[in-house]
Amino acid sequence: MIRVRCLGHIETSLGKGELEVEGDGVEAADIVEKLREMAGGRRAGFDSFNTLAMVGEGEAFVPASRSRKLRDGESLVLIPFSHGG
């Protein structure tokens, strides 16, 4: 299982801040797309282009620009670019 933590309006769109995704070798962009489907598709307000992904101890990237497979047991944090702070 891959533990996914969602912040900002991604959490609001999904109605929860944490969830687990099954899979080993799943692309971060595919996880974002799966969450978009759960949140209502095009109306979700986030996608692989406007979301920052952080894995483990701070490896950060935009899922649309970098191919990164997540392994069973890893953690992924998704932060929308529009997230306040």
PDB file of N, CA and C in Angstrom:
ATOM      1  N   MET A   1       0.831  -1.182   0.000  1.00  0.00           N
ATOM      2  CA  MET A   1       0.000   0.000   0.000  1.00  0.00           C
ATOM      3  C   MET A   1       0.876   1.247   0.000  1.00  0.00           C
ATOM      4  N   ILE A   2       0.421   2.248  -0.693  1.00  0.00           N
ATOM      5  CA  ILE A   2       1.077   3.548  -0.728  1.00  0.00           C
ATOM      6  C   ILE A   2       0.188   4.512   0.048  1.00  0.00           C
ATOM      7  N   ARG A   3       0.751   5.128   1.063  1.00  0.00           N
ATOM      8  CA  ARG A   3      -0.016   6.072   1.876  1.00  0.00           C
ATOM      9  C   ARG A   3       0.034   7.441   1.213  1.00  0.00           C
ATOM     10  N   VAL A   4      -1.142   8.031   0.979  1.00  0.00           N
ATOM     11  CA  VAL A   4      -1.243   9.326   0.305  1.00  0.00           C
ATOM     12  C   VAL A   4      -1.864  10.330   1.265  1.00  0.00           C
ATOM     13  N   ARG A   5      -1.180  11.450   1.440  1.00  0.00           N
ATOM     14  CA  ARG A   5      -1.698  12.546   2.257  1.00  0.00           C
ATOM     15  C   ARG A   5      -1.988  13.706   1.322  1.00  0.00           C
ATOM     16  N   CYS A   6      -3.184  14.263   1.426  1.00  0.00           N
ATOM     17  CA  CYS A   6      -3.611  15.348   0.538  1.00  0.00           C
ATOM     18  C   CYS A   6      -3.803  16.623   1.342  1.00  0.00           C
ATOM     19  N   LEU A   7      -3.335  17.730   0.798  1.00  0.00           N
ATOM     20  CA  LEU A   7      -3.449  19.022   1.462  1.00  0.00           C
ATOM     21  C   LEU A   7      -4.316  19.978   0.657  1.00  0.00           C
ATOM     22  N   GLY A   8      -4.726  21.064   1.299  1.00  0.00           N
ATOM     23  CA  GLY A   8      -5.466  22.133   0.635  1.00  0.00           C
ATOM     24  C   GLY A   8      -6.746  21.670  -0.016  1.00  0.00           C
ATOM     25  N   HIS A   9      -7.015  22.208  -1.189  1.00  0.00           N
ATOM     26  CA  HIS A   9      -8.279  21.894  -1.853  1.00  0.00           C
ATOM     27  C   HIS A   9      -8.315  20.463  -2.404  1.00  0.00           C
ATOM     28  N   ILE A  10      -7.192  19.773  -2.458  1.00  0.00           N
ATOM     29  CA  ILE A  10      -7.231  18.351  -2.839  1.00  0.00           C
ATOM     30  C   ILE A  10      -7.946  17.581  -1.739  1.00  0.00           C
ATOM     31  N   GLU A  11      -7.587  17.868  -0.485  1.00  0.00           N
ATOM     32  CA  GLU A  11      -8.279  17.245   0.645  1.00  0.00           C
ATOM     33  C   GLU A  11      -9.761  17.597   0.644  1.00  0.00           C
ATOM     34  N   THR A  12     -10.067  18.863   0.394  1.00  0.00           N
ATOM     35  CA  THR A  12     -11.458  19.299   0.362  1.00  0.00           C
ATOM     36  C   THR A  12     -12.229  18.587  -0.744  1.00  0.00           C
ATOM     37  N   SER A  13     -11.631  18.453  -1.910  1.00  0.00           N
ATOM     38  CA  SER A  13     -12.290  17.796  -3.044  1.00  0.00           C
ATOM     39  C   SER A  13     -12.583  16.326  -2.752  1.00  0.00           C
ATOM     40  N   LEU A  14     -11.675  15.668  -2.032  1.00  0.00           N
ATOM     41  CA  LEU A  14     -11.837  14.239  -1.739  1.00  0.00           C
ATOM     42  C   LEU A  14     -12.658  13.984  -0.488  1.00  0.00           C
ATOM     43  N   GLY A  15     -12.741  14.981   0.385  1.00  0.00           N
ATOM     44  CA  GLY A  15     -13.454  14.803   1.634  1.00  0.00           C
ATOM     45  C   GLY A  15     -12.657  14.051   2.684  1.00  0.00           C
ATOM     46  N   LYS A  16     -11.362  13.863   2.431  1.00  0.00           N
ATOM     47  CA  LYS A  16     -10.473  13.232   3.413  1.00  0.00           C
ATOM     48  C   LYS A  16      -9.041  13.607   3.096  1.00  0.00           C
ATOM     49  N   GLY A  17      -8.228  13.635   4.140  1.00  0.00           N
ATOM     50  CA  GLY A  17      -6.856  14.067   3.992  1.00  0.00           C
ATOM     51  C   GLY A  17      -5.851  12.952   3.791  1.00  0.00           C
ATOM     52  N   GLU A  18      -6.230  11.726   4.145  1.00  0.00           N
ATOM     53  CA  GLU A  18      -5.317  10.596   3.990  1.00  0.00           C
ATOM     54  C   GLU A  18      -6.056   9.387   3.447  1.00  0.00           C
ATOM     55  N   LEU A  19      -5.372   8.644   2.620  1.00  0.00           N
ATOM     56  CA  LEU A  19      -5.919   7.405   2.092  1.00  0.00           C
ATOM     57  C   LEU A  19      -4.781   6.510   1.652  1.00  0.00           C
ATOM     58  N   GLU A  20      -5.096   5.284   1.350  1.00  0.00           N
ATOM     59  CA  GLU A  20      -4.093   4.344   0.869  1.00  0.00           C
ATOM     60  C   GLU A  20      -4.471   3.865  -0.517  1.00  0.00           C
ATOM     61  N   VAL A  21      -3.448   3.703  -1.355  1.00  0.00           N
ATOM     62  CA  VAL A  21      -3.632   3.250  -2.731  1.00  0.00           C
ATOM     63  C   VAL A  21      -2.863   1.943  -2.891  1.00  0.00           C
ATOM     64  N   GLU A  22      -3.519   0.957  -3.453  1.00  0.00           N
ATOM     65  CA  GLU A  22      -2.845  -0.323  -3.691  1.00  0.00           C
ATOM     66  C   GLU A  22      -1.936  -0.218  -4.896  1.00  0.00           C
ATOM     67  N   GLY A  23      -0.861  -0.962  -4.834  1.00  0.00           N
ATOM     68  CA  GLY A  23       0.022  -1.028  -5.985  1.00  0.00           C
ATOM     69  C   GLY A  23       1.480  -0.936  -5.612  1.00  0.00           C
ATOM     70  N   ASP A  24       2.287  -1.472  -6.471  1.00  0.00           N
ATOM     71  CA  ASP A  24       3.733  -1.396  -6.333  1.00  0.00           C
ATOM     72  C   ASP A  24       4.260  -1.037  -7.710  1.00  0.00           C
ATOM     73  N   GLY A  25       4.977   0.055  -7.812  1.00  0.00           N
ATOM     74  CA  GLY A  25       5.439   0.518  -9.114  1.00  0.00           C
ATOM     75  C   GLY A  25       4.425   1.394  -9.811  1.00  0.00           C
ATOM     76  N   VAL A  26       3.544   2.036  -9.045  1.00  0.00           N
ATOM     77  CA  VAL A  26       2.518   2.908  -9.595  1.00  0.00           C
ATOM     78  C   VAL A  26       3.110   4.303  -9.786  1.00  0.00           C
ATOM     79  N   GLU A  27       2.872   4.904 -10.940  1.00  0.00           N
ATOM     80  CA  GLU A  27       3.347   6.256 -11.229  1.00  0.00           C
ATOM     81  C   GLU A  27       2.591   7.280 -10.378  1.00  0.00           C
ATOM     82  N   ALA A  28       3.306   8.293  -9.907  1.00  0.00           N
ATOM     83  CA  ALA A  28       2.672   9.357  -9.128  1.00  0.00           C
ATOM     84  C   ALA A  28       1.554  10.034  -9.931  1.00  0.00           C
ATOM     85  N   ALA A  29       1.773  10.250 -11.220  1.00  0.00           N
ATOM     86  CA  ALA A  29       0.747  10.870 -12.071  1.00  0.00           C
ATOM     87  C   ALA A  29      -0.514  10.009 -12.144  1.00  0.00           C
ATOM     88  N   ASP A  30      -0.356   8.688 -12.128  1.00  0.00           N
ATOM     89  CA  ASP A  30      -1.517   7.792 -12.153  1.00  0.00           C
ATOM     90  C   ASP A  30      -2.312   7.882 -10.853  1.00  0.00           C
ATOM     91  N   ILE A  31      -1.602   8.072  -9.735  1.00  0.00           N
ATOM     92  CA  ILE A  31      -2.295   8.246  -8.457  1.00  0.00           C
ATOM     93  C   ILE A  31      -3.094   9.542  -8.468  1.00  0.00           C
ATOM     94  N   VAL A  32      -2.501  10.608  -8.985  1.00  0.00           N
ATOM     95  CA  VAL A  32      -3.218  11.880  -9.077  1.00  0.00           C
ATOM     96  C   VAL A  32      -4.474  11.710  -9.929  1.00  0.00           C
ATOM     97  N   GLU A  33      -4.369  11.008 -11.050  1.00  0.00           N
ATOM     98  CA  GLU A  33      -5.535  10.804 -11.915  1.00  0.00           C
ATOM     99  C   GLU A  33      -6.613   9.961 -11.217  1.00  0.00           C
ATOM    100  N   LYS A  34      -6.189   8.963 -10.468  1.00  0.00           N
ATOM    101  CA  LYS A  34      -7.150   8.141  -9.721  1.00  0.00           C
ATOM    102  C   LYS A  34      -7.902   8.996  -8.698  1.00  0.00           C
ATOM    103  N   LEU A  35      -7.185   9.894  -8.029  1.00  0.00           N
ATOM    104  CA  LEU A  35      -7.819  10.773  -7.049  1.00  0.00           C
ATOM    105  C   LEU A  35      -8.740  11.785  -7.726  1.00  0.00           C
ATOM    106  N   ARG A  36      -8.358  12.258  -8.906  1.00  0.00           N
ATOM    107  CA  ARG A  36      -9.235  13.167  -9.666  1.00  0.00           C
ATOM    108  C   ARG A  36     -10.563  12.491  -9.985  1.00  0.00           C
ATOM    109  N   GLU A  37     -10.510  11.241 -10.387  1.00  0.00           N
ATOM    110  CA  GLU A  37     -11.742  10.491 -10.669  1.00  0.00           C
ATOM    111  C   GLU A  37     -12.604  10.395  -9.417  1.00  0.00           C
ATOM    112  N   MET A  38     -11.973  10.121  -8.280  1.00  0.00           N
ATOM    113  CA  MET A  38     -12.705  10.031  -7.017  1.00  0.00           C
ATOM    114  C   MET A  38     -13.348  11.365  -6.650  1.00  0.00           C
ATOM    115  N   ALA A  39     -12.707  12.482  -7.042  1.00  0.00           N
ATOM    116  CA  ALA A  39     -13.176  13.822  -6.683  1.00  0.00           C
ATOM    117  C   ALA A  39     -14.111  14.437  -7.720  1.00  0.00           C
ATOM    118  N   GLY A  40     -14.414  13.739  -8.782  1.00  0.00           N
ATOM    119  CA  GLY A  40     -15.352  14.272  -9.762  1.00  0.00           C
ATOM    120  C   GLY A  40     -14.757  14.628 -11.104  1.00  0.00           C
ATOM    121  N   GLY A  41     -13.600  14.104 -11.424  1.00  0.00           N
ATOM    122  CA  GLY A  41     -13.021  14.304 -12.758  1.00  0.00           C
ATOM    123  C   GLY A  41     -12.541  15.710 -13.024  1.00  0.00           C
ATOM    124  N   ARG A  42     -12.992  16.288 -14.132  1.00  0.00           N
ATOM    125  CA  ARG A  42     -12.510  17.607 -14.562  1.00  0.00           C
ATOM    126  C   ARG A  42     -12.823  18.706 -13.565  1.00  0.00           C
ATOM    127  N   ARG A  43     -13.858  18.523 -12.773  1.00  0.00           N
ATOM    128  CA  ARG A  43     -14.234  19.551 -11.808  1.00  0.00           C
ATOM    129  C   ARG A  43     -13.407  19.484 -10.528  1.00  0.00           C
ATOM    130  N   ALA A  44     -12.475  18.569 -10.452  1.00  0.00           N
ATOM    131  CA  ALA A  44     -11.706  18.362  -9.224  1.00  0.00           C
ATOM    132  C   ALA A  44     -10.844  19.566  -8.852  1.00  0.00           C
ATOM    133  N   GLY A  45     -10.348  20.330  -9.821  1.00  0.00           N
ATOM    134  CA  GLY A  45      -9.544  21.505  -9.532  1.00  0.00           C
ATOM    135  C   GLY A  45      -8.065  21.229  -9.357  1.00  0.00           C
ATOM    136  N   PHE A  46      -7.653  19.998  -9.516  1.00  0.00           N
ATOM    137  CA  PHE A  46      -6.229  19.668  -9.445  1.00  0.00           C
ATOM    138  C   PHE A  46      -5.926  18.611 -10.486  1.00  0.00           C
ATOM    139  N   ASP A  47      -4.678  18.585 -10.931  1.00  0.00           N
ATOM    140  CA  ASP A  47      -4.246  17.574 -11.887  1.00  0.00           C
ATOM    141  C   ASP A  47      -2.735  17.393 -11.757  1.00  0.00           C
ATOM    142  N   SER A  48      -2.151  16.643 -12.638  1.00  0.00           N
ATOM    143  CA  SER A  48      -0.718  16.346 -12.577  1.00  0.00           C
ATOM    144  C   SER A  48       0.155  17.545 -12.914  1.00  0.00           C
ATOM    145  N   PHE A  49      -0.444  18.598 -13.464  1.00  0.00           N
ATOM    146  CA  PHE A  49       0.309  19.781 -13.857  1.00  0.00           C
ATOM    147  C   PHE A  49       0.342  20.856 -12.772  1.00  0.00           C
ATOM    148  N   ASN A  50      -0.663  20.886 -11.895  1.00  0.00           N
ATOM    149  CA  ASN A  50      -0.724  21.947 -10.884  1.00  0.00           C
ATOM    150  C   ASN A  50      -0.641  21.403  -9.456  1.00  0.00           C
ATOM    151  N   THR A  51       0.037  20.267  -9.307  1.00  0.00           N
ATOM    152  CA  THR A  51       0.188  19.621  -8.005  1.00  0.00           C
ATOM    153  C   THR A  51       1.659  19.295  -7.763  1.00  0.00           C
ATOM    154  N   LEU A  52       2.124  19.612  -6.585  1.00  0.00           N
ATOM    155  CA  LEU A  52       3.473  19.245  -6.168  1.00  0.00           C
ATOM    156  C   LEU A  52       3.385  17.934  -5.401  1.00  0.00           C
ATOM    157  N   ALA A  53       4.229  16.987  -5.761  1.00  0.00           N
ATOM    158  CA  ALA A  53       4.270  15.686  -5.088  1.00  0.00           C
ATOM    159  C   ALA A  53       5.554  15.586  -4.284  1.00  0.00           C
ATOM    160  N   MET A  54       5.424  15.114  -3.052  1.00  0.00           N
ATOM    161  CA  MET A  54       6.593  14.886  -2.210  1.00  0.00           C
ATOM    162  C   MET A  54       6.595  13.432  -1.757  1.00  0.00           C
ATOM    163  N   VAL A  55       7.737  12.789  -1.909  1.00  0.00           N
ATOM    164  CA  VAL A  55       7.881  11.383  -1.534  1.00  0.00           C
ATOM    165  C   VAL A  55       8.935  11.282  -0.441  1.00  0.00           C
ATOM    166  N   GLY A  56       8.661  10.444   0.534  1.00  0.00           N
ATOM    167  CA  GLY A  56       9.646  10.160   1.575  1.00  0.00           C
ATOM    168  C   GLY A  56      10.110  11.381   2.327  1.00  0.00           C
ATOM    169  N   GLU A  57      11.395  11.574   2.369  1.00  0.00           N
ATOM    170  CA  GLU A  57      12.019  12.636   3.149  1.00  0.00           C
ATOM    171  C   GLU A  57      12.162  13.948   2.388  1.00  0.00           C
ATOM    172  N   GLY A  58      11.291  14.221   1.425  1.00  0.00           N
ATOM    173  CA  GLY A  58      11.304  15.524   0.782  1.00  0.00           C
ATOM    174  C   GLY A  58      11.638  15.549  -0.689  1.00  0.00           C
ATOM    175  N   GLU A  59      11.719  14.412  -1.347  1.00  0.00           N
ATOM    176  CA  GLU A  59      11.906  14.402  -2.802  1.00  0.00           C
ATOM    177  C   GLU A  59      10.648  15.026  -3.413  1.00  0.00           C
ATOM    178  N   ALA A  60      10.790  16.164  -4.074  1.00  0.00           N
ATOM    179  CA  ALA A  60       9.637  16.893  -4.601  1.00  0.00           C
ATOM    180  C   ALA A  60       9.706  17.014  -6.118  1.00  0.00           C
ATOM    181  N   PHE A  61       8.535  16.930  -6.759  1.00  0.00           N
ATOM    182  CA  PHE A  61       8.461  17.023  -8.209  1.00  0.00           C
ATOM    183  C   PHE A  61       7.017  17.268  -8.628  1.00  0.00           C
ATOM    184  N   VAL A  62       6.841  17.668  -9.880  1.00  0.00           N
ATOM    185  CA  VAL A  62       5.516  17.815 -10.480  1.00  0.00           C
ATOM    186  C   VAL A  62       5.253  16.523 -11.256  1.00  0.00           C
ATOM    187  N   PRO A  63       4.196  15.790 -10.900  1.00  0.00           N
ATOM    188  CA  PRO A  63       3.961  14.490 -11.540  1.00  0.00           C
ATOM    189  C   PRO A  63       3.904  14.513 -13.064  1.00  0.00           C
ATOM    190  N   ALA A  64       3.431  15.608 -13.653  1.00  0.00           N
ATOM    191  CA  ALA A  64       3.335  15.677 -15.118  1.00  0.00           C
ATOM    192  C   ALA A  64       4.700  15.809 -15.783  1.00  0.00           C
ATOM    193  N   SER A  65       5.703  16.274 -15.041  1.00  0.00           N
ATOM    194  CA  SER A  65       6.998  16.516 -15.663  1.00  0.00           C
ATOM    195  C   SER A  65       8.055  15.470 -15.333  1.00  0.00           C
ATOM    196  N   ARG A  66       7.749  14.583 -14.408  1.00  0.00           N
ATOM    197  CA  ARG A  66       8.749  13.601 -14.015  1.00  0.00           C
ATOM    198  C   ARG A  66       8.095  12.253 -13.746  1.00  0.00           C
ATOM    199  N   SER A  67       8.635  11.240 -14.330  1.00  0.00           N
ATOM    200  CA  SER A  67       8.136   9.891 -14.114  1.00  0.00           C
ATOM    201  C   SER A  67       8.728   9.359 -12.805  1.00  0.00           C
ATOM    202  N   ARG A  68       7.887   9.037 -11.861  1.00  0.00           N
ATOM    203  CA  ARG A  68       8.358   8.512 -10.573  1.00  0.00           C
ATOM    204  C   ARG A  68       7.412   7.403 -10.124  1.00  0.00           C
ATOM    205  N   LYS A  69       7.942   6.202 -10.046  1.00  0.00           N
ATOM    206  CA  LYS A  69       7.143   5.069  -9.583  1.00  0.00           C
ATOM    207  C   LYS A  69       7.265   4.954  -8.072  1.00  0.00           C
ATOM    208  N   LEU A  70       6.134   4.729  -7.431  1.00  0.00           N
ATOM    209  CA  LEU A  70       6.113   4.561  -5.987  1.00  0.00           C
ATOM    210  C   LEU A  70       6.032   3.085  -5.651  1.00  0.00           C
ATOM    211  N   ARG A  71       6.742   2.719  -4.632  1.00  0.00           N
ATOM    212  CA  ARG A  71       6.814   1.333  -4.186  1.00  0.00           C
ATOM    213  C   ARG A  71       5.926   1.114  -2.973  1.00  0.00           C
ATOM    214  N   ASP A  72       5.538  -0.109  -2.785  1.00  0.00           N
ATOM    215  CA  ASP A  72       4.751  -0.494  -1.628  1.00  0.00           C
ATOM    216  C   ASP A  72       5.457  -0.012  -0.359  1.00  0.00           C
ATOM    217  N   GLY A  73       4.711   0.663   0.518  1.00  0.00           N
ATOM    218  CA  GLY A  73       5.273   1.159   1.765  1.00  0.00           C
ATOM    219  C   GLY A  73       5.719   2.607   1.732  1.00  0.00           C
ATOM    220  N   GLU A  74       5.809   3.210   0.543  1.00  0.00           N
ATOM    221  CA  GLU A  74       6.209   4.610   0.455  1.00  0.00           C
ATOM    222  C   GLU A  74       5.030   5.528   0.779  1.00  0.00           C
ATOM    223  N   SER A  75       5.373   6.764   1.123  1.00  0.00           N
ATOM    224  CA  SER A  75       4.372   7.797   1.403  1.00  0.00           C
ATOM    225  C   SER A  75       4.460   8.883   0.346  1.00  0.00           C
ATOM    226  N   LEU A  76       3.305   9.421  -0.020  1.00  0.00           N
ATOM    227  CA  LEU A  76       3.203  10.478  -1.017  1.00  0.00           C
ATOM    228  C   LEU A  76       2.357  11.601  -0.433  1.00  0.00           C
ATOM    229  N   VAL A  77       2.853  12.832  -0.499  1.00  0.00           N
ATOM    230  CA  VAL A  77       2.086  14.001  -0.081  1.00  0.00           C
ATOM    231  C   VAL A  77       1.796  14.810  -1.332  1.00  0.00           C
ATOM    232  N   LEU A  78       0.528  15.182  -1.510  1.00  0.00           N
ATOM    233  CA  LEU A  78       0.124  15.986  -2.677  1.00  0.00           C
ATOM    234  C   LEU A  78      -0.282  17.368  -2.210  1.00  0.00           C
ATOM    235  N   ILE A  79       0.371  18.393  -2.791  1.00  0.00           N
ATOM    236  CA  ILE A  79       0.137  19.779  -2.401  1.00  0.00           C
ATOM    237  C   ILE A  79      -0.248  20.573  -3.646  1.00  0.00           C
ATOM    238  N   PRO A  80      -1.424  21.177  -3.651  1.00  0.00           N
ATOM    239  CA  PRO A  80      -1.798  21.998  -4.818  1.00  0.00           C
ATOM    240  C   PRO A  80      -0.959  23.273  -4.850  1.00  0.00           C
ATOM    241  N   PHE A  81      -0.623  23.750  -6.050  1.00  0.00           N
ATOM    242  CA  PHE A  81       0.164  24.973  -6.175  1.00  0.00           C
ATOM    243  C   PHE A  81      -0.551  26.153  -5.504  1.00  0.00           C
ATOM    244  N   SER A  82      -1.866  26.121  -5.493  1.00  0.00           N
ATOM    245  CA  SER A  82      -2.627  27.238  -4.930  1.00  0.00           C
ATOM    246  C   SER A  82      -2.791  27.132  -3.415  1.00  0.00           C
ATOM    247  N   HIS A  83      -2.088  26.197  -2.797  1.00  0.00           N
ATOM    248  CA  HIS A  83      -2.195  25.992  -1.350  1.00  0.00           C
ATOM    249  C   HIS A  83      -1.632  27.186  -0.602  1.00  0.00           C
ATOM    250  N   GLY A  84      -2.408  27.744   0.294  1.00  0.00           N
ATOM    251  CA  GLY A  84      -1.956  28.884   1.090  1.00  0.00           C
ATOM    252  C   GLY A  84      -0.942  28.467   2.130  1.00  0.00           C
ATOM    253  N   GLY A  85      -0.301  29.406   2.740  1.00  0.00           N
ATOM    254  CA  GLY A  85       0.672  29.022   3.718  1.00  0.00           C
ATOM    255  C   GLY A  85       1.134  30.156   4.502  1.00  0.00           C
TER     256      GLY A  85
END
